[in-house]
Amino acid sequence: MQQDKQPDYHPVVFRDRAAGYAFLTRSTATSDRTIEWDDGETYPVVDVEISSESHPFYTGKARTVDTEGRIAQFERRYGSGEAGQGSVGA
């Protein structure tokens, strides 16, 4: 690989302002703003609208589905499925 054609890959802080959450990682993203991190170093900071802390799909804070109720509803509607289950291909 030719090193002069690769983008600059450096430490960057991504900050989710909605959740008050920030994490340090390596990226090619750049920013004019900086932040002092917990280790005392100063890093570029990129503000994001959604992260794993603020989006319920990633955090697992979405409402849980009542699967037992759905199974019971299916069995009431279509039966338990035990009748008529002969061996297939016999």
PDB file of N, CA and C in Angstrom:
ATOM      1  N   MET A   1       0.820  -1.179   0.000  1.00  0.00           N
ATOM      2  CA  MET A   1       0.000   0.000   0.000  1.00  0.00           C
ATOM      3  C   MET A   1       0.867   1.246   0.000  1.00  0.00           C
ATOM      4  N   GLN A   2       0.424   2.241  -0.703  1.00  0.00           N
ATOM      5  CA  GLN A   2       1.163   3.493  -0.743  1.00  0.00           C
ATOM      6  C   GLN A   2       0.682   4.390   0.395  1.00  0.00           C
ATOM      7  N   GLN A   3       1.580   4.728   1.288  1.00  0.00           N
ATOM      8  CA  GLN A   3       1.208   5.482   2.479  1.00  0.00           C
ATOM      9  C   GLN A   3       0.760   6.904   2.161  1.00  0.00           C
ATOM     10  N   ASP A   4       1.275   7.507   1.105  1.00  0.00           N
ATOM     11  CA  ASP A   4       0.911   8.891   0.821  1.00  0.00           C
ATOM     12  C   ASP A   4      -0.503   9.022   0.259  1.00  0.00           C
ATOM     13  N   LYS A   5      -1.150   7.939  -0.102  1.00  0.00           N
ATOM     14  CA  LYS A   5      -2.505   7.995  -0.639  1.00  0.00           C
ATOM     15  C   LYS A   5      -3.565   7.641   0.402  1.00  0.00           C
ATOM     16  N   GLN A   6      -3.148   7.259   1.574  1.00  0.00           N
ATOM     17  CA  GLN A   6      -4.080   6.888   2.628  1.00  0.00           C
ATOM     18  C   GLN A   6      -4.491   8.135   3.418  1.00  0.00           C
ATOM     19  N   PRO A   7      -5.757   8.233   3.846  1.00  0.00           N
ATOM     20  CA  PRO A   7      -6.184   9.377   4.665  1.00  0.00           C
ATOM     21  C   PRO A   7      -5.544   9.329   6.054  1.00  0.00           C
ATOM     22  N   ASP A   8      -5.470  10.471   6.685  1.00  0.00           N
ATOM     23  CA  ASP A   8      -4.902  10.583   8.031  1.00  0.00           C
ATOM     24  C   ASP A   8      -5.849   9.923   9.031  1.00  0.00           C
ATOM     25  N   TYR A   9      -5.376   8.912   9.710  1.00  0.00           N
ATOM     26  CA  TYR A   9      -6.161   8.131  10.668  1.00  0.00           C
ATOM     27  C   TYR A   9      -5.634   8.470  12.054  1.00  0.00           C
ATOM     28  N   HIS A  10      -6.434   9.166  12.861  1.00  0.00           N
ATOM     29  CA  HIS A  10      -5.955   9.708  14.125  1.00  0.00           C
ATOM     30  C   HIS A  10      -7.039   9.606  15.198  1.00  0.00           C
ATOM     31  N   PRO A  11      -6.673   9.796  16.481  1.00  0.00           N
ATOM     32  CA  PRO A  11      -7.669   9.764  17.555  1.00  0.00           C
ATOM     33  C   PRO A  11      -8.644  10.939  17.440  1.00  0.00           C
ATOM     34  N   VAL A  12      -9.931  10.649  17.618  1.00  0.00           N
ATOM     35  CA  VAL A  12     -10.996  11.660  17.545  1.00  0.00           C
ATOM     36  C   VAL A  12     -12.012  11.340  18.630  1.00  0.00           C
ATOM     37  N   VAL A  13     -12.577  12.378  19.237  1.00  0.00           N
ATOM     38  CA  VAL A  13     -13.658  12.211  20.208  1.00  0.00           C
ATOM     39  C   VAL A  13     -14.975  12.476  19.500  1.00  0.00           C
ATOM     40  N   PHE A  14     -15.889  11.523  19.555  1.00  0.00           N
ATOM     41  CA  PHE A  14     -17.243  11.716  19.050  1.00  0.00           C
ATOM     42  C   PHE A  14     -18.131  12.007  20.253  1.00  0.00           C
ATOM     43  N   ARG A  15     -18.912  13.094  20.158  1.00  0.00           N
ATOM     44  CA  ARG A  15     -19.720  13.534  21.297  1.00  0.00           C
ATOM     45  C   ARG A  15     -21.189  13.609  20.888  1.00  0.00           C
ATOM     46  N   ASP A  16     -22.037  12.943  21.651  1.00  0.00           N
ATOM     47  CA  ASP A  16     -23.484  13.001  21.466  1.00  0.00           C
ATOM     48  C   ASP A  16     -24.018  14.007  22.479  1.00  0.00           C
ATOM     49  N   ARG A  17     -24.357  15.188  22.004  1.00  0.00           N
ATOM     50  CA  ARG A  17     -24.802  16.244  22.917  1.00  0.00           C
ATOM     51  C   ARG A  17     -26.163  15.928  23.536  1.00  0.00           C
ATOM     52  N   ALA A  18     -27.029  15.220  22.830  1.00  0.00           N
ATOM     53  CA  ALA A  18     -28.359  14.911  23.356  1.00  0.00           C
ATOM     54  C   ALA A  18     -28.273  14.004  24.578  1.00  0.00           C
ATOM     55  N   ALA A  19     -27.329  13.069  24.563  1.00  0.00           N
ATOM     56  CA  ALA A  19     -27.212  12.117  25.667  1.00  0.00           C
ATOM     57  C   ALA A  19     -26.112  12.500  26.651  1.00  0.00           C
ATOM     58  N   GLY A  20     -25.293  13.496  26.304  1.00  0.00           N
ATOM     59  CA  GLY A  20     -24.185  13.861  27.174  1.00  0.00           C
ATOM     60  C   GLY A  20     -23.131  12.768  27.231  1.00  0.00           C
ATOM     61  N   TYR A  21     -22.902  12.114  26.117  1.00  0.00           N
ATOM     62  CA  TYR A  21     -22.003  10.962  26.049  1.00  0.00           C
ATOM     63  C   TYR A  21     -20.920  11.241  25.015  1.00  0.00           C
ATOM     64  N   ALA A  22     -19.699  10.869  25.322  1.00  0.00           N
ATOM     65  CA  ALA A  22     -18.586  11.033  24.379  1.00  0.00           C
ATOM     66  C   ALA A  22     -17.688   9.814  24.465  1.00  0.00           C
ATOM     67  N   PHE A  23     -17.069   9.469  23.339  1.00  0.00           N
ATOM     68  CA  PHE A  23     -16.133   8.349  23.330  1.00  0.00           C
ATOM     69  C   PHE A  23     -14.970   8.665  22.402  1.00  0.00           C
ATOM     70  N   LEU A  24     -13.824   8.143  22.778  1.00  0.00           N
ATOM     71  CA  LEU A  24     -12.586   8.350  22.033  1.00  0.00           C
ATOM     72  C   LEU A  24     -12.330   7.133  21.153  1.00  0.00           C
ATOM     73  N   THR A  25     -12.085   7.383  19.878  1.00  0.00           N
ATOM     74  CA  THR A  25     -11.788   6.316  18.942  1.00  0.00           C
ATOM     75  C   THR A  25     -10.854   6.856  17.875  1.00  0.00           C
ATOM     76  N   ARG A  26     -10.494   6.033  16.919  1.00  0.00           N
ATOM     77  CA  ARG A  26      -9.654   6.493  15.816  1.00  0.00           C
ATOM     78  C   ARG A  26     -10.522   6.634  14.579  1.00  0.00           C
ATOM     79  N   SER A  27     -10.289   7.704  13.804  1.00  0.00           N
ATOM     80  CA  SER A  27     -11.109   7.971  12.637  1.00  0.00           C
ATOM     81  C   SER A  27     -10.364   8.869  11.668  1.00  0.00           C
ATOM     82  N   THR A  28     -10.904   8.987  10.473  1.00  0.00           N
ATOM     83  CA  THR A  28     -10.372   9.938   9.494  1.00  0.00           C
ATOM     84  C   THR A  28     -11.132  11.253   9.554  1.00  0.00           C
ATOM     85  N   ALA A  29     -12.174  11.336  10.392  1.00  0.00           N
ATOM     86  CA  ALA A  29     -12.955  12.569  10.523  1.00  0.00           C
ATOM     87  C   ALA A  29     -12.089  13.679  11.111  1.00  0.00           C
ATOM     88  N   THR A  30     -12.351  14.900  10.659  1.00  0.00           N
ATOM     89  CA  THR A  30     -11.598  16.045  11.156  1.00  0.00           C
ATOM     90  C   THR A  30     -12.560  17.090  11.706  1.00  0.00           C
ATOM     91  N   SER A  31     -12.043  17.963  12.535  1.00  0.00           N
ATOM     92  CA  SER A  31     -12.848  19.030  13.123  1.00  0.00           C
ATOM     93  C   SER A  31     -11.924  20.147  13.570  1.00  0.00           C
ATOM     94  N   ASP A  32     -12.443  21.374  13.527  1.00  0.00           N
ATOM     95  CA  ASP A  32     -11.682  22.520  14.014  1.00  0.00           C
ATOM     96  C   ASP A  32     -11.799  22.658  15.533  1.00  0.00           C
ATOM     97  N   ARG A  33     -12.854  22.062  16.098  1.00  0.00           N
ATOM     98  CA  ARG A  33     -13.064  22.134  17.547  1.00  0.00           C
ATOM     99  C   ARG A  33     -12.250  21.042  18.238  1.00  0.00           C
ATOM    100  N   THR A  34     -11.829  21.319  19.466  1.00  0.00           N
ATOM    101  CA  THR A  34     -11.060  20.346  20.247  1.00  0.00           C
ATOM    102  C   THR A  34     -11.665  20.209  21.630  1.00  0.00           C
ATOM    103  N   ILE A  35     -11.286  19.123  22.300  1.00  0.00           N
ATOM    104  CA  ILE A  35     -11.750  18.876  23.664  1.00  0.00           C
ATOM    105  C   ILE A  35     -10.600  18.232  24.430  1.00  0.00           C
ATOM    106  N   GLU A  36     -10.525  18.558  25.714  1.00  0.00           N
ATOM    107  CA  GLU A  36      -9.521  17.910  26.559  1.00  0.00           C
ATOM    108  C   GLU A  36     -10.141  16.645  27.122  1.00  0.00           C
ATOM    109  N   TRP A  37      -9.508  15.501  26.854  1.00  0.00           N
ATOM    110  CA  TRP A  37     -10.031  14.213  27.269  1.00  0.00           C
ATOM    111  C   TRP A  37      -9.564  13.876  28.675  1.00  0.00           C
ATOM    112  N   ASP A  38     -10.050  12.772  29.242  1.00  0.00           N
ATOM    113  CA  ASP A  38      -9.736  12.350  30.609  1.00  0.00           C
ATOM    114  C   ASP A  38      -8.248  12.102  30.822  1.00  0.00           C
ATOM    115  N   ASP A  39      -7.527  11.753  29.769  1.00  0.00           N
ATOM    116  CA  ASP A  39      -6.100  11.479  29.910  1.00  0.00           C
ATOM    117  C   ASP A  39      -5.245  12.738  29.864  1.00  0.00           C
ATOM    118  N   GLY A  40      -5.890  13.913  29.756  1.00  0.00           N
ATOM    119  CA  GLY A  40      -5.171  15.175  29.739  1.00  0.00           C
ATOM    120  C   GLY A  40      -4.753  15.637  28.354  1.00  0.00           C
ATOM    121  N   GLU A  41      -4.940  14.793  27.347  1.00  0.00           N
ATOM    122  CA  GLU A  41      -4.600  15.146  25.972  1.00  0.00           C
ATOM    123  C   GLU A  41      -5.760  15.909  25.328  1.00  0.00           C
ATOM    124  N   THR A  42      -5.447  16.690  24.303  1.00  0.00           N
ATOM    125  CA  THR A  42      -6.452  17.433  23.558  1.00  0.00           C
ATOM    126  C   THR A  42      -6.660  16.746  22.213  1.00  0.00           C
ATOM    127  N   TYR A  43      -7.939  16.462  21.888  1.00  0.00           N
ATOM    128  CA  TYR A  43      -8.285  15.768  20.666  1.00  0.00           C
ATOM    129  C   TYR A  43      -9.334  16.565  19.898  1.00  0.00           C
ATOM    130  N   PRO A  44      -9.419  16.379  18.573  1.00  0.00           N
ATOM    131  CA  PRO A  44     -10.517  16.981  17.822  1.00  0.00           C
ATOM    132  C   PRO A  44     -11.829  16.331  18.258  1.00  0.00           C
ATOM    133  N   VAL A  45     -12.897  17.110  18.278  1.00  0.00           N
ATOM    134  CA  VAL A  45     -14.197  16.589  18.697  1.00  0.00           C
ATOM    135  C   VAL A  45     -15.194  16.771  17.553  1.00  0.00           C
ATOM    136  N   VAL A  46     -15.970  15.710  17.293  1.00  0.00           N
ATOM    137  CA  VAL A  46     -17.008  15.725  16.272  1.00  0.00           C
ATOM    138  C   VAL A  46     -18.336  15.508  16.983  1.00  0.00           C
ATOM    139  N   ASP A  47     -19.258  16.460  16.844  1.00  0.00           N
ATOM    140  CA  ASP A  47     -20.576  16.332  17.461  1.00  0.00           C
ATOM    141  C   ASP A  47     -21.495  15.539  16.536  1.00  0.00           C
ATOM    142  N   VAL A  48     -22.193  14.558  17.106  1.00  0.00           N
ATOM    143  CA  VAL A  48     -23.126  13.731  16.348  1.00  0.00           C
ATOM    144  C   VAL A  48     -24.519  13.885  16.935  1.00  0.00           C
ATOM    145  N   GLU A  49     -25.539  13.654  16.099  1.00  0.00           N
ATOM    146  CA  GLU A  49     -26.915  13.791  16.565  1.00  0.00           C
ATOM    147  C   GLU A  49     -27.409  12.538  17.271  1.00  0.00           C
ATOM    148  N   ILE A  50     -26.982  11.375  16.795  1.00  0.00           N
ATOM    149  CA  ILE A  50     -27.451  10.111  17.358  1.00  0.00           C
ATOM    150  C   ILE A  50     -26.253   9.201  17.581  1.00  0.00           C
ATOM    151  N   SER A  51     -26.213   8.586  18.751  1.00  0.00           N
ATOM    152  CA  SER A  51     -25.188   7.587  19.045  1.00  0.00           C
ATOM    153  C   SER A  51     -25.867   6.400  19.712  1.00  0.00           C
ATOM    154  N   SER A  52     -25.091   5.438  20.121  1.00  0.00           N
ATOM    155  CA  SER A  52     -25.653   4.267  20.775  1.00  0.00           C
ATOM    156  C   SER A  52     -26.308   4.620  22.116  1.00  0.00           C
ATOM    157  N   GLU A  53     -25.939   5.740  22.702  1.00  0.00           N
ATOM    158  CA  GLU A  53     -26.525   6.152  23.985  1.00  0.00           C
ATOM    159  C   GLU A  53     -27.884   6.813  23.827  1.00  0.00           C
ATOM    160  N   SER A  54     -28.132   7.480  22.705  1.00  0.00           N
ATOM    161  CA  SER A  54     -29.370   8.228  22.564  1.00  0.00           C
ATOM    162  C   SER A  54     -30.391   7.553  21.670  1.00  0.00           C
ATOM    163  N   HIS A  55     -30.026   6.480  20.971  1.00  0.00           N
ATOM    164  CA  HIS A  55     -30.955   5.814  20.073  1.00  0.00           C
ATOM    165  C   HIS A  55     -31.449   4.528  20.724  1.00  0.00           C
ATOM    166  N   PRO A  56     -32.764   4.379  20.921  1.00  0.00           N
ATOM    167  CA  PRO A  56     -33.277   3.217  21.649  1.00  0.00           C
ATOM    168  C   PRO A  56     -33.007   1.890  20.964  1.00  0.00           C
ATOM    169  N   PHE A  57     -32.830   1.866  19.648  1.00  0.00           N
ATOM    170  CA  PHE A  57     -32.550   0.607  18.956  1.00  0.00           C
ATOM    171  C   PHE A  57     -31.216   0.030  19.418  1.00  0.00           C
ATOM    172  N   TYR A  58     -30.233   0.870  19.625  1.00  0.00           N
ATOM    173  CA  TYR A  58     -28.911   0.407  20.012  1.00  0.00           C
ATOM    174  C   TYR A  58     -28.772   0.205  21.518  1.00  0.00           C
ATOM    175  N   THR A  59     -29.515   0.941  22.309  1.00  0.00           N
ATOM    176  CA  THR A  59     -29.347   0.861  23.755  1.00  0.00           C
ATOM    177  C   THR A  59     -30.166  -0.253  24.387  1.00  0.00           C
ATOM    178  N   GLY A  60     -31.146  -0.787  23.664  1.00  0.00           N
ATOM    179  CA  GLY A  60     -32.000  -1.815  24.218  1.00  0.00           C
ATOM    180  C   GLY A  60     -33.084  -1.251  25.102  1.00  0.00           C
ATOM    181  N   LYS A  61     -33.291   0.059  25.077  1.00  0.00           N
ATOM    182  CA  LYS A  61     -34.311   0.669  25.905  1.00  0.00           C
ATOM    183  C   LYS A  61     -35.671   0.710  25.219  1.00  0.00           C
ATOM    184  N   ALA A  62     -35.766   0.153  24.036  1.00  0.00           N
ATOM    185  CA  ALA A  62     -37.039   0.112  23.333  1.00  0.00           C
ATOM    186  C   ALA A  62     -37.976  -0.820  24.093  1.00  0.00           C
ATOM    187  N   ARG A  63     -39.254  -0.640  23.896  1.00  0.00           N
ATOM    188  CA  ARG A  63     -40.198  -1.491  24.614  1.00  0.00           C
ATOM    189  C   ARG A  63     -40.046  -2.928  24.157  1.00  0.00           C
ATOM    190  N   THR A  64     -40.218  -3.840  25.081  1.00  0.00           N
ATOM    191  CA  THR A  64     -40.081  -5.257  24.756  1.00  0.00           C
ATOM    192  C   THR A  64     -41.409  -5.774  24.221  1.00  0.00           C
ATOM    193  N   VAL A  65     -41.349  -6.738  23.348  1.00  0.00           N
ATOM    194  CA  VAL A  65     -42.533  -7.324  22.749  1.00  0.00           C
ATOM    195  C   VAL A  65     -42.977  -8.496  23.612  1.00  0.00           C
ATOM    196  N   ASP A  66     -44.263  -8.558  23.898  1.00  0.00           N
ATOM    197  CA  ASP A  66     -44.820  -9.648  24.693  1.00  0.00           C
ATOM    198  C   ASP A  66     -44.970 -10.872  23.803  1.00  0.00           C
ATOM    199  N   THR A  67     -43.921 -11.665  23.688  1.00  0.00           N
ATOM    200  CA  THR A  67     -43.950 -12.807  22.777  1.00  0.00           C
ATOM    201  C   THR A  67     -44.882 -13.902  23.268  1.00  0.00           C
ATOM    202  N   GLU A  68     -45.002 -14.055  24.579  1.00  0.00           N
ATOM    203  CA  GLU A  68     -45.904 -15.080  25.092  1.00  0.00           C
ATOM    204  C   GLU A  68     -47.336 -14.764  24.702  1.00  0.00           C
ATOM    205  N   GLY A  69     -47.728 -13.518  24.776  1.00  0.00           N
ATOM    206  CA  GLY A  69     -49.079 -13.112  24.380  1.00  0.00           C
ATOM    207  C   GLY A  69     -49.320 -13.310  22.898  1.00  0.00           C
ATOM    208  N   ARG A  70     -48.311 -13.076  22.072  1.00  0.00           N
ATOM    209  CA  ARG A  70     -48.456 -13.266  20.629  1.00  0.00           C
ATOM    210  C   ARG A  70     -48.595 -14.747  20.283  1.00  0.00           C
ATOM    211  N   ILE A  71     -47.858 -15.602  20.986  1.00  0.00           N
ATOM    212  CA  ILE A  71     -47.961 -17.039  20.734  1.00  0.00           C
ATOM    213  C   ILE A  71     -49.342 -17.535  21.140  1.00  0.00           C
ATOM    214  N   ALA A  72     -49.819 -17.093  22.285  1.00  0.00           N
ATOM    215  CA  ALA A  72     -51.143 -17.501  22.738  1.00  0.00           C
ATOM    216  C   ALA A  72     -52.215 -17.013  21.762  1.00  0.00           C
ATOM    217  N   GLN A  73     -52.074 -15.819  21.258  1.00  0.00           N
ATOM    218  CA  GLN A  73     -53.031 -15.290  20.286  1.00  0.00           C
ATOM    219  C   GLN A  73     -52.993 -16.113  18.997  1.00  0.00           C
ATOM    220  N   PHE A  74     -51.809 -16.498  18.544  1.00  0.00           N
ATOM    221  CA  PHE A  74     -51.677 -17.325  17.349  1.00  0.00           C
ATOM    222  C   PHE A  74     -52.341 -18.689  17.558  1.00  0.00           C
ATOM    223  N   GLU A  75     -52.106 -19.290  18.722  1.00  0.00           N
ATOM    224  CA  GLU A  75     -52.699 -20.596  18.993  1.00  0.00           C
ATOM    225  C   GLU A  75     -54.217 -20.519  19.096  1.00  0.00           C
ATOM    226  N   ARG A  76     -54.740 -19.439  19.666  1.00  0.00           N
ATOM    227  CA  ARG A  76     -56.191 -19.272  19.725  1.00  0.00           C
ATOM    228  C   ARG A  76     -56.769 -19.129  18.323  1.00  0.00           C
ATOM    229  N   ARG A  77     -56.066 -18.419  17.460  1.00  0.00           N
ATOM    230  CA  ARG A  77     -56.572 -18.156  16.118  1.00  0.00           C
ATOM    231  C   ARG A  77     -56.440 -19.379  15.216  1.00  0.00           C
ATOM    232  N   TYR A  78     -55.297 -20.051  15.266  1.00  0.00           N
ATOM    233  CA  TYR A  78     -55.027 -21.133  14.323  1.00  0.00           C
ATOM    234  C   TYR A  78     -54.928 -22.514  14.966  1.00  0.00           C
ATOM    235  N   GLY A  79     -55.117 -22.614  16.236  1.00  0.00           N
ATOM    236  CA  GLY A  79     -54.983 -23.888  16.923  1.00  0.00           C
ATOM    237  C   GLY A  79     -53.555 -24.138  17.341  1.00  0.00           C
ATOM    238  N   SER A  80     -53.336 -25.201  18.088  1.00  0.00           N
ATOM    239  CA  SER A  80     -52.010 -25.468  18.612  1.00  0.00           C
ATOM    240  C   SER A  80     -51.075 -26.037  17.560  1.00  0.00           C
ATOM    241  N   GLY A  81     -51.614 -26.528  16.414  1.00  0.00           N
ATOM    242  CA  GLY A  81     -50.773 -27.037  15.353  1.00  0.00           C
ATOM    243  C   GLY A  81     -50.399 -28.480  15.510  1.00  0.00           C
ATOM    244  N   GLU A  82     -50.889 -29.144  16.572  1.00  0.00           N
ATOM    245  CA  GLU A  82     -50.528 -30.540  16.797  1.00  0.00           C
ATOM    246  C   GLU A  82     -51.325 -31.471  15.887  1.00  0.00           C
ATOM    247  N   ALA A  83     -52.543 -31.114  15.536  1.00  0.00           N
ATOM    248  CA  ALA A  83     -53.368 -31.979  14.698  1.00  0.00           C
ATOM    249  C   ALA A  83     -52.937 -31.857  13.246  1.00  0.00           C
ATOM    250  N   GLY A  84     -52.855 -32.983  12.557  1.00  0.00           N
ATOM    251  CA  GLY A  84     -52.534 -32.956  11.141  1.00  0.00           C
ATOM    252  C   GLY A  84     -51.054 -32.789  10.839  1.00  0.00           C
ATOM    253  N   GLN A  85     -50.201 -33.069  11.784  1.00  0.00           N
ATOM    254  CA  GLN A  85     -48.764 -32.934  11.532  1.00  0.00           C
ATOM    255  C   GLN A  85     -48.180 -34.309  11.278  1.00  0.00           C
ATOM    256  N   GLY A  86     -48.580 -34.928  10.185  1.00  0.00           N
ATOM    257  CA  GLY A  86     -48.037 -36.223   9.834  1.00  0.00           C
ATOM    258  C   GLY A  86     -46.630 -36.065   9.313  1.00  0.00           C
ATOM    259  N   SER A  87     -45.958 -37.162   9.066  1.00  0.00           N
ATOM    260  CA  SER A  87     -44.584 -37.071   8.584  1.00  0.00           C
ATOM    261  C   SER A  87     -44.610 -36.580   7.134  1.00  0.00           C
ATOM    262  N   VAL A  88     -43.734 -35.702   6.841  1.00  0.00           N
ATOM    263  CA  VAL A  88     -43.647 -35.104   5.524  1.00  0.00           C
ATOM    264  C   VAL A  88     -42.811 -36.015   4.640  1.00  0.00           C
ATOM    265  N   GLY A  89     -43.270 -36.255   3.410  1.00  0.00           N
ATOM    266  CA  GLY A  89     -42.514 -37.043   2.457  1.00  0.00           C
ATOM    267  C   GLY A  89     -42.606 -38.543   2.674  1.00  0.00           C
ATOM    268  N   ALA A  90     -43.583 -38.998   3.456  1.00  0.00           N
ATOM    269  CA  ALA A  90     -43.714 -40.436   3.719  1.00  0.00           C
ATOM    270  C   ALA A  90     -44.527 -41.103   2.668  1.00  0.00           C
TER     271      ALA A  90
END
